Amino acid sequence: MQIAPSFLSCDFSKLGEELVRMEKANADFIHLDVMDGHFVPNITFGAPVIKWARPYTTLPFDVHLMISEPHRYIKDFADAGADIITFHVECDSDINETIDLIKSFNIKPGLVIKPNTPASAVFPYLEKIDMVLVMTVEPGFGGQSFMEDMLPKVKEIKDHARSLGKEIIIEADGGINASTIAQCAEAGIDICVSGTGVFKAEDAGQAIAELKSKCR
């Protein structure tokens, strides 16, 4: 299991220090939630903040676009230093065109599905993408309870990808902590996003180690 601390939970007054702290804590990625106030009822940050943060860590930036028209902003996030860009299958942009644009910048593309979206929604695109992010809460706000009934989607997606001769990475985001991460591992999830459980921990390294130990 790999752990991607959610940037949204960091202390923004010490943003650079927080990223250095996550790298020292053996995080695997930094997960960056971009919300536009339209696709989801919340606003976070955009490409300029990510660009400012980029020099502070060598960890891969896993950028999750919760925005209505991701195609319009892919270049901005590519220029800002994204390593992975995931966007919602429920968005208003053309899915194939957006995937192709992400790949044109040598960035790994992924798709995200909300809780009410079936796993099959990503099937037509699996051959073109590297990752699927399965939301285990409704996107938009932190602090929600983990939705265990989202886990069967993982097997559906992995099985379909394998039928195409492809291995796909599955990430999960929402309500994941020391009490729920073992279920994620058992379901076949590869990367778990964790917010306050890591950034607010007194010892982030210990928190990440504990999360990983629950998966063994």
Protein backbone atom coordinates (compact mmCIF):
# COMPACT_ATOMS: atom_id res chain seq x y z
CA MET A 1 0.00 0.00 0.00
CA GLN A 2 1.19 3.49 -0.86
CA ILE A 3 0.09 6.59 1.03
CA ALA A 4 -0.71 9.97 -0.51
CA PRO A 5 -1.20 12.66 2.17
CA SER A 6 -3.82 15.19 1.14
CA PHE A 7 -2.31 18.66 0.68
CA LEU A 8 -5.65 20.16 1.66
CA SER A 9 -4.98 19.16 5.28
CA CYS A 10 -1.58 20.85 5.58
CA ASP A 11 -0.84 24.07 7.45
CA PHE A 12 -0.81 26.54 4.54
CA SER A 13 1.11 29.10 6.60
CA LYS A 14 4.03 26.63 6.58
CA LEU A 15 3.38 25.01 3.22
CA GLY A 16 6.98 24.39 2.23
CA GLU A 17 7.90 22.97 5.64
CA GLU A 18 4.85 20.72 5.53
CA LEU A 19 5.90 19.20 2.20
CA VAL A 20 9.44 18.60 3.46
CA ARG A 21 7.91 16.94 6.54
CA MET A 22 5.83 14.58 4.37
CA GLU A 23 8.87 13.56 2.34
CA LYS A 24 10.82 12.81 5.52
CA ALA A 25 7.79 10.85 6.80
CA ASN A 26 8.09 8.45 3.83
CA ALA A 27 4.93 9.53 2.02
CA ASP A 28 4.71 8.11 -1.51
CA PHE A 29 2.82 10.97 -3.21
CA ILE A 30 1.30 14.33 -2.39
CA HIS A 31 -2.40 14.39 -3.28
CA LEU A 32 -3.66 17.81 -4.38
CA ASP A 33 -7.43 18.39 -4.47
CA VAL A 34 -8.40 21.18 -6.86
CA MET A 35 -12.03 22.32 -6.53
CA ASP A 36 -13.71 25.02 -8.58
CA GLY A 37 -16.85 25.78 -6.56
CA HIS A 38 -18.96 24.59 -9.50
CA PHE A 39 -18.32 20.88 -10.02
CA VAL A 40 -18.26 20.52 -6.23
CA PRO A 41 -19.59 23.01 -3.64
CA ASN A 42 -16.18 24.08 -2.39
CA ILE A 43 -13.18 26.09 -3.62
CA THR A 44 -9.58 25.19 -2.79
CA PHE A 45 -6.54 26.29 -4.82
CA GLY A 46 -5.33 26.31 -8.39
CA ALA A 47 -2.21 25.84 -10.48
CA PRO A 48 -0.29 28.85 -9.06
CA VAL A 49 -0.26 27.35 -5.55
CA ILE A 50 0.91 23.99 -6.91
CA LYS A 51 3.68 25.71 -8.88
CA TRP A 52 4.81 27.53 -5.75
CA ALA A 53 4.81 24.27 -3.77
CA ARG A 54 6.64 22.18 -6.36
CA PRO A 55 10.26 23.10 -5.43
CA TYR A 56 9.86 21.92 -1.83
CA THR A 57 9.66 18.19 -2.52
CA THR A 58 10.63 15.55 -5.05
CA LEU A 59 7.53 13.48 -4.20
CA PRO A 60 5.19 12.95 -7.17
CA PHE A 61 2.28 15.42 -7.29
CA ASP A 62 -1.00 13.54 -7.73
CA VAL A 63 -3.42 16.27 -8.84
CA HIS A 64 -7.16 15.51 -8.54
CA LEU A 65 -9.24 17.96 -10.58
CA MET A 66 -12.75 18.37 -9.21
CA ILE A 67 -13.60 20.93 -11.86
CA SER A 68 -16.27 21.12 -14.55
CA GLU A 69 -14.03 21.70 -17.56
CA PRO A 70 -10.63 20.13 -16.84
CA HIS A 71 -9.55 20.23 -20.50
CA ARG A 72 -9.26 24.03 -20.30
CA TYR A 73 -6.69 23.90 -17.48
CA ILE A 74 -4.50 20.86 -18.20
CA LYS A 75 -1.60 22.95 -19.53
CA ASP A 76 -1.67 25.12 -16.39
CA PHE A 77 -1.37 22.10 -14.11
CA ALA A 78 1.26 20.50 -16.34
CA ASP A 79 3.33 23.69 -16.20
CA ALA A 80 2.84 23.80 -12.41
CA GLY A 81 4.55 20.43 -11.98
CA ALA A 82 1.85 17.75 -11.85
CA ASP A 83 3.08 14.16 -12.28
CA ILE A 84 -0.37 12.55 -12.36
CA ILE A 85 -3.62 14.32 -13.29
CA THR A 86 -6.93 12.67 -12.52
CA PHE A 87 -10.25 14.19 -13.54
CA HIS A 88 -13.86 13.13 -13.18
CA VAL A 89 -15.63 10.96 -15.71
CA GLU A 90 -18.72 13.05 -14.79
CA CYS A 91 -17.11 16.33 -15.99
CA ASP A 92 -18.20 18.44 -18.98
CA SER A 93 -14.99 18.09 -21.02
CA ASP A 94 -14.53 15.44 -23.70
CA ILE A 95 -12.93 12.51 -21.85
CA ASN A 96 -10.75 11.19 -24.67
CA GLU A 97 -9.50 14.64 -25.66
CA THR A 98 -8.62 15.45 -22.07
CA ILE A 99 -6.74 12.16 -21.60
CA ASP A 100 -4.81 12.79 -24.82
CA LEU A 101 -3.92 16.33 -23.74
CA ILE A 102 -2.59 15.11 -20.38
CA LYS A 103 -0.46 12.49 -22.13
CA SER A 104 0.90 15.11 -24.54
CA PHE A 105 2.69 16.68 -21.55
CA ASN A 106 4.19 13.30 -20.52
CA ILE A 107 1.94 13.24 -17.46
CA LYS A 108 0.08 10.14 -16.32
CA PRO A 109 -3.70 10.46 -16.81
CA GLY A 110 -6.36 8.99 -14.56
CA LEU A 111 -10.12 9.09 -14.14
CA VAL A 112 -12.19 9.59 -10.99
CA ILE A 113 -15.66 8.24 -10.20
CA LYS A 114 -18.07 9.61 -7.62
CA PRO A 115 -19.93 7.22 -5.30
CA ASN A 116 -23.09 7.19 -7.43
CA THR A 117 -21.17 6.49 -10.66
CA PRO A 118 -20.82 2.81 -11.64
CA ALA A 119 -17.41 1.26 -12.21
CA SER A 120 -18.39 0.59 -15.83
CA ALA A 121 -18.23 4.34 -16.59
CA VAL A 122 -14.43 4.11 -16.84
CA PHE A 123 -14.31 0.87 -18.87
CA PRO A 124 -14.15 2.59 -22.32
CA TYR A 125 -11.01 4.49 -21.26
CA LEU A 126 -8.98 1.92 -19.31
CA GLU A 127 -6.57 1.20 -22.15
CA LYS A 128 -5.57 4.89 -22.27
CA ILE A 129 -5.17 5.71 -18.57
CA ASP A 130 -2.81 4.75 -15.75
CA MET A 131 -5.05 5.09 -12.71
CA VAL A 132 -8.64 5.17 -11.49
CA LEU A 133 -9.51 7.07 -8.33
CA VAL A 134 -12.54 5.60 -6.58
CA MET A 135 -14.15 8.17 -4.28
CA THR A 136 -15.16 6.62 -0.96
CA VAL A 137 -17.01 9.81 0.08
CA GLU A 138 -18.91 12.45 -1.88
CA PRO A 139 -16.23 14.81 -3.24
CA GLY A 140 -16.06 18.37 -1.98
CA PHE A 141 -15.42 18.32 1.76
CA GLY A 142 -13.18 16.45 4.18
CA GLY A 143 -14.20 14.73 7.39
CA GLN A 144 -16.85 12.44 5.87
CA SER A 145 -17.35 8.79 6.79
CA PHE A 146 -15.81 6.03 4.66
CA MET A 147 -18.26 4.36 2.29
CA GLU A 148 -17.39 0.65 2.41
CA ASP A 149 -19.91 -0.19 -0.31
CA MET A 150 -17.64 1.51 -2.87
CA LEU A 151 -15.00 -1.24 -2.53
CA PRO A 152 -16.57 -3.77 -4.97
CA LYS A 153 -15.86 -1.24 -7.75
CA VAL A 154 -12.15 -1.97 -7.31
CA LYS A 155 -12.45 -5.60 -8.37
CA GLU A 156 -14.79 -4.70 -11.24
CA ILE A 157 -12.30 -2.20 -12.65
CA LYS A 158 -9.23 -4.39 -12.15
CA ASP A 159 -10.95 -7.44 -13.66
CA HIS A 160 -12.06 -5.47 -16.71
CA ALA A 161 -8.59 -3.96 -17.16
CA ARG A 162 -7.03 -7.44 -17.01
CA SER A 163 -9.48 -8.67 -19.64
CA LEU A 164 -7.90 -6.00 -21.86
CA GLY A 165 -4.40 -7.18 -20.94
CA LYS A 166 -3.71 -4.21 -18.70
CA GLU A 167 -2.91 -3.65 -15.04
CA ILE A 168 -4.49 -0.50 -13.62
CA ILE A 169 -3.60 1.36 -10.43
CA ILE A 170 -6.54 2.01 -8.13
CA GLU A 171 -6.50 4.90 -5.68
CA ALA A 172 -9.12 5.56 -3.00
CA ASP A 173 -9.93 8.86 -1.32
CA GLY A 174 -12.32 9.65 1.50
CA GLY A 175 -12.61 8.67 5.14
CA ILE A 176 -9.51 6.49 5.07
CA ASN A 177 -7.74 6.07 8.40
CA ALA A 178 -6.20 3.36 10.59
CA SER A 179 -9.66 1.84 11.11
CA THR A 180 -10.60 1.59 7.42
CA ILE A 181 -7.35 1.13 5.49
CA ALA A 182 -7.16 -2.65 5.96
CA GLN A 183 -10.46 -2.98 4.07
CA CYS A 184 -8.95 -0.93 1.26
CA ALA A 185 -5.92 -3.19 1.04
CA GLU A 186 -8.07 -6.31 1.08
CA ALA A 187 -10.16 -4.89 -1.77
CA GLY A 188 -7.04 -4.44 -3.92
CA ILE A 189 -6.53 -0.69 -3.65
CA ASP A 190 -2.95 0.39 -4.40
CA ILE A 191 -2.85 3.99 -3.12
CA CYS A 192 -4.81 5.52 -0.25
CA VAL A 193 -5.26 9.24 0.26
CA SER A 194 -5.14 10.32 3.89
CA GLY A 195 -5.65 13.88 5.07
CA THR A 196 -5.83 14.93 8.70
CA GLY A 197 -4.66 11.50 9.89
CA VAL A 198 -1.20 12.26 8.50
CA PHE A 199 -0.83 16.04 8.35
CA LYS A 200 -2.32 16.63 11.80
CA ALA A 201 -0.37 13.79 13.42
CA GLU A 202 2.37 14.81 15.85
CA ASP A 203 4.64 12.27 14.14
CA ALA A 204 3.67 11.98 10.47
CA GLY A 205 6.20 9.22 9.85
CA GLN A 206 4.69 7.12 12.60
CA ALA A 207 1.18 7.79 11.24
CA ILE A 208 2.17 6.65 7.74
CA ALA A 209 3.99 3.61 9.11
CA GLU A 210 0.90 2.68 11.12
CA LEU A 211 -1.36 2.97 8.08
CA LYS A 212 0.94 0.73 6.05
CA SER A 213 1.25 -1.79 8.88
CA LYS A 214 -2.54 -2.21 8.98
CA CYS A 215 -2.38 -3.47 5.39
CA ARG A 216 0.02 -6.34 6.02
